[in-house]
């Protein structure tokens, strides 16, 4: 082999090794800061399950689910758009444009969230008996849904921090600060009063306000002192966000519609048991969010520079890392579901079958990799939107058919089947539109193309 070819090969291998090490270091750093998220969420869920029981904790989490669904409308896709639009502006060091996009996103999200919070307050006497099966929890629904406002704003701030090259801070604000602060406030409140669904909801609202304030402070300090503000077209920004909003709504609906259906068709105790099983399995999905908080702006940058070799290399390394990180926890959830759920209380072991089904679905999610993010970061939002619309419709149909007969297990089947369908469809589109392997975890770099 000629010397120049050997040197070229060695240089390429060295570059790939350095890229892998850089990604691993970033993942470890983000996992360390975001690790508080799954841990604190688990602790909070454990405390509420043990102290409130299945019915009351189910009412609390059903209210949280409704609030998060409405916050997607309030954020209007700005959290995803910021990672792409502001991320590109930051890489070009156009800080004035990045700040303008961020400010406009904050203002519009605040107005939307305020309108939605007022609407929920007006409708809570109707919603509480239907969704929570108990009008006594109307105050819980009211308090939780006031937090739509700060929750939407902290989502915008987390996305901006990721776009600014601070994924660790962005991850902390997005998933770790809120449950951690809620636990701290609960520990203080417990000294003065007994636990109830309402007192927990008030602590959650206060924690959401604190987290949003912390995110705002960090973002402001992250901008260079010399950064000004330019003019950004509201129309063009909204045009980019509309398909992203639909994508997020469909994605959230695919995951949480079965839980809401379970609250309507079943009793509060079964919904509470399923909630614990689902949230345990959903911690696996956070692995994709962690990696994507690091890689999403890089994917957009690679695609913008037409560097498909770097794009594919990053996609494959990310997917293989997801599989390696997910095998062990999935094995535990599948092999010992009853033992794990019994930690929360004997009444929660009824959801053991649900936990196995959900864990299997999440493992498939990890094996296929961040295919949805690949489409979103490469201008294929409409394609992703169409896939998610079909998937959400499938989820609704499966929920309506399976839940009345199989209860919590039917909800788990609806989620997992829809997740498999969604990821396979995304894999097909990634192969078709980006010329990448159908399954990134098994693909070869030689397949990268324009």
Protein backbone atom coordinates (compact mmCIF):
# COMPACT_ATOMS: atom_id res chain seq x y z
CA UNK A 1 0.00 0.00 0.00
CA UNK A 2 1.45 3.42 -0.93
CA UNK A 3 2.72 5.54 1.96
CA UNK A 4 0.33 8.41 1.20
CA UNK A 5 -2.65 6.05 1.28
CA UNK A 6 -1.52 4.57 4.62
CA UNK A 7 -1.10 8.05 6.06
CA UNK A 8 -4.56 9.03 4.76
CA UNK A 9 -6.12 5.92 6.31
CA UNK A 10 -4.35 6.52 9.64
CA UNK A 11 -5.45 10.14 9.63
CA UNK A 12 -9.06 9.14 8.96
CA UNK A 13 -8.99 6.51 11.73
CA UNK A 14 -7.46 9.01 14.14
CA UNK A 15 -10.14 11.56 13.25
CA UNK A 16 -12.90 8.98 13.80
CA UNK A 17 -11.37 7.94 17.14
CA UNK A 18 -11.15 11.56 18.27
CA UNK A 19 -14.77 12.11 17.22
CA UNK A 20 -15.86 9.05 19.21
CA UNK A 21 -13.93 10.17 22.29
CA UNK A 22 -15.38 13.67 22.02
CA UNK A 23 -18.91 12.29 21.78
CA UNK A 24 -18.35 9.92 24.72
CA UNK A 25 -16.99 12.77 26.87
CA UNK A 26 -19.97 14.95 26.00
CA UNK A 27 -22.40 12.12 26.75
CA UNK A 28 -20.75 11.41 30.12
CA UNK A 29 -20.86 15.10 31.04
CA UNK A 30 -24.51 15.45 30.03
CA UNK A 31 -25.46 12.14 31.65
CA UNK A 32 -23.85 13.34 34.87
CA UNK A 33 -25.85 16.57 34.93
CA UNK A 34 -29.01 15.04 33.48
CA UNK A 35 -28.62 11.99 35.67
CA UNK A 36 -30.34 13.99 38.38
CA UNK A 37 -33.42 13.97 36.14
CA UNK A 38 -34.17 10.22 36.08
CA UNK A 39 -32.97 9.80 39.68
CA UNK A 40 -35.04 12.68 41.08
CA UNK A 41 -38.06 11.72 38.94
CA UNK A 42 -37.80 8.18 40.29
CA UNK A 43 -37.54 9.43 43.87
CA UNK A 44 -40.49 11.79 43.39
CA UNK A 45 -42.60 9.04 41.82
CA UNK A 46 -41.64 6.68 44.65
CA UNK A 47 -42.56 9.22 47.34
CA UNK A 48 -45.92 10.02 45.78
CA UNK A 49 -46.75 6.35 45.24
CA UNK A 50 -45.94 5.46 48.83
CA UNK A 51 -47.47 8.53 50.46
CA UNK A 52 -50.53 9.19 48.27
CA UNK A 53 -51.37 5.74 46.90
CA UNK A 54 -52.31 4.74 43.37
CA UNK A 55 -55.49 6.82 43.02
CA UNK A 56 -54.21 10.20 44.28
CA UNK A 57 -50.82 9.87 42.59
CA UNK A 58 -52.64 8.85 39.42
CA UNK A 59 -54.74 12.04 39.60
CA UNK A 60 -51.59 14.12 40.06
CA UNK A 61 -49.82 12.55 37.08
CA UNK A 62 -52.92 12.69 34.88
CA UNK A 63 -52.99 16.44 35.57
CA UNK A 64 -49.27 16.65 34.72
CA UNK A 65 -49.92 14.79 31.47
CA UNK A 66 -52.63 17.25 30.44
CA UNK A 67 -50.42 20.20 31.36
CA UNK A 68 -47.48 18.91 29.30
CA UNK A 69 -49.76 18.29 26.32
CA UNK A 70 -50.99 21.88 26.47
CA UNK A 71 -47.44 23.20 26.95
CA UNK A 72 -46.58 21.77 23.52
CA UNK A 73 -49.20 24.09 22.05
CA UNK A 74 -47.82 26.97 24.10
CA UNK A 75 -44.23 26.38 22.97
CA UNK A 76 -45.50 26.18 19.38
CA UNK A 77 -42.49 24.18 18.22
CA UNK A 78 -40.04 26.91 19.23
CA UNK A 79 -38.05 24.52 21.43
CA UNK A 80 -37.20 22.33 18.42
CA UNK A 81 -36.84 25.27 16.01
CA UNK A 82 -34.37 26.97 18.37
CA UNK A 83 -32.02 23.98 18.25
CA UNK A 84 -31.86 24.26 14.48
CA UNK A 85 -32.30 27.96 13.66
CA UNK A 86 -30.57 29.46 16.70
CA UNK A 87 -28.01 26.63 16.66
CA UNK A 88 -26.93 27.52 13.12
CA UNK A 89 -26.83 31.24 14.05
CA UNK A 90 -24.60 30.46 17.05
CA UNK A 91 -22.23 28.37 14.94
CA UNK A 92 -21.97 31.31 12.50
CA UNK A 93 -21.44 33.57 15.56
CA UNK A 94 -24.48 35.62 14.58
CA UNK A 95 -25.42 36.27 18.20
CA UNK A 96 -27.81 39.10 17.36
CA UNK A 97 -29.97 36.76 15.27
CA UNK A 98 -29.80 34.03 17.91
CA UNK A 99 -30.96 36.45 20.61
CA UNK A 100 -33.77 37.78 18.40
CA UNK A 101 -35.09 34.26 17.74
CA UNK A 102 -34.90 33.44 21.46
CA UNK A 103 -36.73 36.60 22.58
CA UNK A 104 -39.50 36.23 20.04
CA UNK A 105 -39.95 32.59 21.02
CA UNK A 106 -40.24 33.56 24.70
CA UNK A 107 -42.83 36.28 24.08
CA UNK A 108 -45.09 34.18 21.86
CA UNK A 109 -44.86 31.15 24.15
CA UNK A 110 -45.74 33.26 27.19
CA UNK A 111 -48.87 34.64 25.51
CA UNK A 112 -50.02 31.21 24.30
CA UNK A 113 -49.43 29.58 27.69
CA UNK A 114 -51.33 32.34 29.50
CA UNK A 115 -54.37 31.84 27.25
CA UNK A 116 -54.30 28.07 27.75
CA UNK A 117 -53.93 28.35 31.54
CA UNK A 118 -57.00 30.61 31.76
CA UNK A 119 -58.98 28.21 29.54
CA UNK A 120 -58.17 25.22 31.76
CA UNK A 121 -59.17 27.11 34.90
CA UNK A 122 -62.55 27.79 33.31
CA UNK A 123 -63.05 24.18 32.15
CA UNK A 124 -61.72 22.32 35.22
CA UNK A 125 -65.21 21.65 36.71
CA UNK A 126 -65.99 19.67 33.54
CA UNK A 127 -62.58 18.05 33.00
CA UNK A 128 -61.92 16.81 36.56
CA UNK A 129 -64.86 14.36 36.80
CA UNK A 130 -64.18 13.00 33.28
CA UNK A 131 -60.39 12.64 33.27
CA UNK A 132 -59.64 12.29 36.99
CA UNK A 133 -62.89 10.48 37.85
CA UNK A 134 -63.23 12.61 40.96
CA UNK A 135 -64.31 16.26 41.22
CA UNK A 136 -62.37 16.49 44.49
CA UNK A 137 -59.20 16.68 42.40
CA UNK A 138 -60.36 19.78 40.49
CA UNK A 139 -58.04 21.98 42.59
CA UNK A 140 -55.10 19.70 41.73
CA UNK A 141 -55.88 20.13 38.03
CA UNK A 142 -56.13 23.92 38.44
CA UNK A 143 -52.81 24.30 40.27
CA UNK A 144 -50.91 22.00 37.91
CA UNK A 145 -52.21 23.72 34.81
CA UNK A 146 -51.20 27.18 36.04
CA UNK A 147 -47.68 25.80 35.69
CA UNK A 148 -48.22 25.67 31.91
CA UNK A 149 -46.76 29.19 31.83
CA UNK A 150 -43.37 28.61 33.56
CA UNK A 151 -43.11 25.05 32.18
CA UNK A 152 -43.38 26.31 28.59
CA UNK A 153 -40.77 29.00 29.20
CA UNK A 154 -38.26 26.61 30.79
CA UNK A 155 -38.61 24.40 27.70
CA UNK A 156 -37.65 27.35 25.49
CA UNK A 157 -34.66 28.14 27.71
CA UNK A 158 -33.45 24.54 27.73
CA UNK A 159 -33.59 24.43 23.92
CA UNK A 160 -31.69 27.73 23.68
CA UNK A 161 -28.94 26.45 25.96
CA UNK A 162 -28.55 23.37 23.75
CA UNK A 163 -28.35 25.61 20.68
CA UNK A 164 -25.67 27.69 22.43
CA UNK A 165 -23.48 24.61 22.90
CA UNK A 166 -24.44 24.04 26.55
CA UNK A 167 -26.21 20.65 26.42
CA UNK A 168 -25.38 19.86 30.05
CA UNK A 169 -27.11 23.01 31.30
CA UNK A 170 -29.94 22.54 28.81
CA UNK A 171 -30.48 18.97 29.98
CA UNK A 172 -30.39 20.01 33.63
CA UNK A 173 -33.05 22.69 33.10
CA UNK A 174 -35.18 20.40 30.94
CA UNK A 175 -35.36 17.24 33.05
CA UNK A 176 -33.44 17.52 36.31
CA UNK A 177 -34.07 20.85 38.02
CA UNK A 178 -37.87 20.55 38.23
CA UNK A 179 -38.23 17.16 40.00
CA UNK A 180 -35.21 17.92 42.22
CA UNK A 181 -36.66 21.23 43.37
CA UNK A 182 -40.10 19.62 43.87
CA UNK A 183 -38.58 17.04 46.23
CA UNK A 184 -36.76 19.74 48.19
CA UNK A 185 -39.93 21.79 48.56
CA UNK A 186 -41.91 18.72 49.62
CA UNK A 187 -39.36 18.00 52.34
CA UNK A 188 -39.83 21.52 53.69
CA UNK A 189 -43.63 21.45 53.44
CA UNK A 190 -43.82 18.08 55.21
CA UNK A 191 -42.55 19.77 58.38
CA UNK A 192 -45.62 22.02 58.51
CA UNK A 193 -48.44 19.94 57.00
CA UNK A 194 -49.39 16.45 55.85
CA UNK A 195 -48.96 15.27 52.28
CA UNK A 196 -51.92 15.55 49.92
CA UNK A 197 -52.34 15.72 46.15
CA UNK A 198 -53.01 19.46 46.49
CA UNK A 199 -49.91 20.25 48.58
CA UNK A 200 -47.78 18.26 46.14
CA UNK A 201 -49.28 20.22 43.23
CA UNK A 202 -48.47 23.55 44.90
CA UNK A 203 -44.87 22.46 45.45
CA UNK A 204 -44.67 21.39 41.80
CA UNK A 205 -45.92 24.81 40.63
CA UNK A 206 -43.38 26.63 42.82
CA UNK A 207 -40.57 24.36 41.53
CA UNK A 208 -41.59 25.08 37.92
CA UNK A 209 -41.38 28.84 38.52
CA UNK A 210 -37.93 28.48 40.12
CA UNK A 211 -36.64 26.31 37.25
CA UNK A 212 -37.88 28.76 34.62
CA UNK A 213 -36.16 31.61 36.47
CA UNK A 214 -32.91 29.65 36.72
CA UNK A 215 -33.01 28.87 32.99
CA UNK A 216 -33.56 32.53 32.13
CA UNK A 217 -30.55 33.59 34.24
CA UNK A 218 -28.24 31.00 32.66
CA UNK A 219 -29.30 31.93 29.11
CA UNK A 220 -28.74 35.63 29.75
CA UNK A 221 -25.26 34.98 31.13
CA UNK A 222 -24.42 32.74 28.16
CA UNK A 223 -24.85 35.49 25.58
CA UNK A 224 -21.68 37.50 24.84
CA UNK A 225 -21.74 40.96 26.38
CA UNK A 226 -21.44 42.52 22.92
CA UNK A 227 -24.40 40.59 21.45
CA UNK A 228 -27.10 42.88 20.11
CA UNK A 229 -30.54 42.12 18.72
CA UNK A 230 -31.58 42.09 15.08
CA UNK A 231 -34.97 41.80 13.42
CA UNK A 232 -36.37 38.34 12.69
CA UNK A 233 -39.47 37.79 10.58
CA UNK A 234 -42.26 36.51 12.79
CA UNK A 235 -44.04 35.01 9.78
CA UNK A 236 -41.03 32.97 8.64
CA UNK A 237 -40.34 31.84 12.21
CA UNK A 238 -43.93 30.70 12.73
CA UNK A 239 -43.96 28.98 9.33
CA UNK A 240 -41.03 26.87 10.48
CA UNK A 241 -42.66 26.15 13.84
CA UNK A 242 -46.13 25.03 12.69
CA UNK A 243 -44.99 21.62 11.35
CA UNK A 244 -42.75 21.20 14.40
CA UNK A 245 -45.70 21.83 16.72
CA UNK A 246 -47.75 19.20 14.95
CA UNK A 247 -44.80 16.80 15.18
CA UNK A 248 -44.47 17.31 18.94
CA UNK A 249 -48.23 17.00 19.47
CA UNK A 250 -48.34 13.78 17.51
CA UNK A 251 -45.28 12.41 19.29
CA UNK A 252 -46.68 13.26 22.72
CA UNK A 253 -50.11 11.98 21.77
CA UNK A 254 -48.60 8.69 20.63
CA UNK A 255 -46.98 8.18 24.05
CA UNK A 256 -49.58 9.58 26.43
CA UNK A 257 -52.98 9.12 24.77
CA UNK A 258 -53.25 5.57 26.22
CA UNK A 259 -52.69 6.96 29.74
CA UNK A 260 -55.45 9.53 29.28
CA UNK A 261 -57.75 6.85 27.80
CA UNK A 262 -56.98 4.64 30.77
CA UNK A 263 -58.03 7.44 33.10
CA UNK A 264 -61.36 7.66 31.26
CA UNK A 265 -62.12 3.95 30.72
CA UNK A 266 -60.63 2.55 33.92
CA UNK A 267 -60.41 3.50 37.59
CA UNK A 268 -57.85 5.83 39.14
CA UNK A 269 -55.92 3.04 40.85
CA UNK A 270 -55.21 1.19 37.58
CA UNK A 271 -54.23 4.43 35.90
CA UNK A 272 -51.86 5.16 38.80
CA UNK A 273 -50.26 1.70 38.55
CA UNK A 274 -49.81 2.04 34.79
CA UNK A 275 -48.31 5.52 35.28
CA UNK A 276 -45.51 4.06 37.42
CA UNK A 277 -44.80 1.29 34.88
CA UNK A 278 -44.79 3.73 31.97
CA UNK A 279 -42.58 6.31 33.65
CA UNK A 280 -40.08 3.62 34.61
CA UNK A 281 -39.81 2.46 31.01
CA UNK A 282 -39.78 6.04 29.73
CA UNK A 283 -36.48 6.65 31.55
CA UNK A 284 -34.92 4.58 28.75
CA UNK A 285 -36.24 7.08 26.22
CA UNK A 286 -34.28 9.79 28.03
CA UNK A 287 -31.12 8.23 26.60
CA UNK A 288 -32.21 9.42 23.15
CA UNK A 289 -33.02 12.87 24.52
CA UNK A 290 -29.59 13.08 26.19
CA UNK A 291 -27.72 12.16 23.03
CA UNK A 292 -29.92 14.35 20.86
CA UNK A 293 -29.31 17.37 23.11
CA UNK A 294 -25.66 16.99 22.09
CA UNK A 295 -26.01 15.84 18.50
CA UNK A 296 -29.10 17.70 17.16
CA UNK A 297 -27.23 20.99 16.42
CA UNK A 298 -24.33 18.95 14.96
CA UNK A 299 -26.67 17.06 12.65
CA UNK A 300 -28.09 20.37 11.41
CA UNK A 301 -24.58 21.74 10.91
CA UNK A 302 -23.34 18.64 9.02
CA UNK A 303 -26.40 18.68 6.79
CA UNK A 304 -26.11 22.42 6.16
CA UNK A 305 -22.45 21.90 5.11
CA UNK A 306 -23.43 18.86 2.97
CA UNK A 307 -21.00 16.71 4.97
CA UNK A 308 -22.95 13.45 4.80
CA UNK A 309 -19.94 11.35 5.80
CA UNK A 310 -19.67 13.18 9.11
CA UNK A 311 -23.45 13.12 9.42
CA UNK A 312 -23.63 9.35 9.02
CA UNK A 313 -20.66 8.70 11.28
CA UNK A 314 -22.26 10.71 14.09
CA UNK A 315 -25.65 9.01 13.56
CA UNK A 316 -24.14 5.53 13.77
CA UNK A 317 -21.97 6.22 16.79
CA UNK A 318 -25.00 7.71 18.57
CA UNK A 319 -27.19 4.69 17.79
CA UNK A 320 -24.61 2.13 18.89
CA UNK A 321 -24.07 4.04 22.12
CA UNK A 322 -27.83 4.03 22.77
CA UNK A 323 -27.95 0.24 22.40
CA UNK A 324 -25.02 -0.30 24.74
CA UNK A 325 -26.46 2.00 27.38
CA UNK A 326 -29.95 0.49 27.15
CA UNK A 327 -29.32 -3.27 27.25
CA UNK A 328 -28.69 -3.56 31.00
CA UNK A 329 -31.67 -1.51 32.33
CA UNK A 330 -34.04 -3.14 29.82
CA UNK A 331 -32.89 -6.57 31.02
CA UNK A 332 -33.68 -5.65 34.63
CA UNK A 333 -37.16 -4.34 33.81
CA UNK A 334 -38.05 -7.38 31.68
CA UNK A 335 -36.67 -10.02 34.07
CA UNK A 336 -37.89 -8.60 37.40
CA UNK A 337 -40.92 -6.34 36.73
CA UNK A 338 -42.87 -7.45 39.83
CA UNK A 339 -39.93 -6.92 42.16
CA UNK A 340 -39.29 -3.41 40.79
CA UNK A 341 -42.94 -2.35 40.98
CA UNK A 342 -43.33 -3.75 44.48
CA UNK A 343 -40.87 -1.09 45.65
CA UNK A 344 -43.65 1.47 45.07
CA UNK A 345 -46.27 -0.62 46.88
CA UNK A 346 -47.98 -3.96 46.44
CA UNK A 347 -50.92 -2.41 44.56
CA UNK A 348 -48.55 -1.34 41.76
CA UNK A 349 -47.43 -4.91 40.92
CA UNK A 350 -50.65 -5.27 38.91
CA UNK A 351 -48.84 -3.40 36.12
CA UNK A 352 -46.01 -6.00 35.80
CA UNK A 353 -47.13 -7.18 32.35
CA UNK A 354 -47.43 -3.56 31.22
CA UNK A 355 -43.86 -2.86 32.32
CA UNK A 356 -42.46 -5.80 30.30
CA UNK A 357 -44.34 -4.72 27.15
CA UNK A 358 -43.26 -1.08 27.54
CA UNK A 359 -39.61 -1.97 28.17
CA UNK A 360 -39.52 -4.12 25.02
CA UNK A 361 -40.95 -1.24 23.00
CA UNK A 362 -38.35 1.17 24.39
CA UNK A 363 -35.53 -1.22 23.51
CA UNK A 364 -36.68 -1.21 19.89
CA UNK A 365 -36.74 2.58 20.11
CA UNK A 366 -33.07 2.58 21.14
CA UNK A 367 -32.04 0.06 18.46
CA UNK A 368 -33.43 2.22 15.66
CA UNK A 369 -31.63 5.31 16.99
CA UNK A 370 -32.52 9.02 16.77
CA UNK A 371 -34.20 8.68 13.36
CA UNK A 372 -36.92 11.20 14.20
CA UNK A 373 -34.31 13.82 15.12
CA UNK A 374 -32.45 13.10 11.87
CA UNK A 375 -35.55 13.99 9.88
CA UNK A 376 -36.33 17.05 12.02
CA UNK A 377 -32.79 18.45 11.76
CA UNK A 378 -32.53 18.05 7.98
CA UNK A 379 -35.61 19.95 6.82
CA UNK A 380 -37.85 16.88 6.63
CA UNK A 381 -40.31 18.07 9.28
CA UNK A 382 -43.32 17.51 7.04
CA UNK A 383 -42.33 13.91 6.42
CA UNK A 384 -41.90 13.34 10.15
CA UNK A 385 -45.20 15.11 10.79
CA UNK A 386 -47.04 12.80 8.37
CA UNK A 387 -45.53 9.72 10.01
CA UNK A 388 -46.55 10.91 13.45
CA UNK A 389 -50.08 11.76 12.34
CA UNK A 390 -50.55 8.19 11.11
CA UNK A 391 -48.90 6.82 14.26
CA UNK A 392 -51.09 8.90 16.56
CA UNK A 393 -54.23 7.77 14.76
CA UNK A 394 -53.00 4.19 15.14
CA UNK A 395 -52.42 4.80 18.87
CA UNK A 396 -55.93 6.20 19.34
CA UNK A 397 -57.50 3.25 17.51
CA UNK A 398 -55.44 0.70 19.43
CA UNK A 399 -56.22 2.42 22.74
CA UNK A 400 -59.94 2.47 22.03
CA UNK A 401 -59.87 -1.23 21.09
CA UNK A 402 -57.42 -2.66 23.63
CA UNK A 403 -57.90 -0.64 26.83
CA UNK A 404 -61.58 -1.49 27.51
CA UNK A 405 -60.67 -5.20 27.27
CA UNK A 406 -57.11 -5.45 28.60
CA UNK A 407 -56.85 -2.34 30.80
CA UNK A 408 -53.29 -1.27 31.61
CA UNK A 409 -51.78 -4.08 29.49
CA UNK A 410 -53.85 -2.82 26.55
CA UNK A 411 -52.46 0.69 27.07
CA UNK A 412 -48.91 -0.72 27.07
CA UNK A 413 -49.58 -2.67 23.88
CA UNK A 414 -50.98 0.44 22.18
CA UNK A 415 -47.85 2.42 23.07
CA UNK A 416 -45.34 -0.26 22.07
CA UNK A 417 -46.99 -1.25 18.79
CA UNK A 418 -47.28 2.40 17.77
CA UNK A 419 -43.64 3.04 18.75
CA UNK A 420 -42.43 0.15 16.59
CA UNK A 421 -44.49 1.33 13.63
CA UNK A 422 -43.30 4.92 14.02
CA UNK A 423 -39.62 4.00 14.19
CA UNK A 424 -39.80 1.62 11.22
CA UNK A 425 -41.47 4.34 9.14
CA UNK A 426 -38.78 6.86 10.18
CA UNK A 427 -36.03 4.34 9.33
CA UNK A 428 -37.51 3.93 5.85
CA UNK A 429 -37.62 7.71 5.29
CA UNK A 430 -34.09 8.21 6.63
CA UNK A 431 -32.87 5.58 4.16
CA UNK A 432 -34.87 7.10 1.31
CA UNK A 433 -34.21 10.81 1.87
CA UNK A 434 -30.77 10.83 3.50
CA UNK A 435 -29.31 7.70 1.86
CA UNK A 436 -28.39 6.17 5.22
CA UNK A 437 -28.70 2.49 6.22
CA UNK A 438 -32.20 1.30 7.20
CA UNK A 439 -30.84 0.29 10.62
CA UNK A 440 -28.03 2.62 11.60
CA UNK A 441 -26.67 0.27 14.24
CA UNK A 442 -25.73 -2.28 11.54
CA UNK A 443 -24.87 0.10 8.68
CA UNK A 444 -21.51 0.74 7.10
CA UNK A 445 -19.83 4.10 6.61
CA UNK A 446 -19.30 3.17 2.99
CA UNK A 447 -23.01 3.72 2.43
CA UNK A 448 -22.90 7.46 3.13
CA UNK A 449 -23.89 9.55 0.21
CA UNK A 450 -25.48 12.79 -0.87
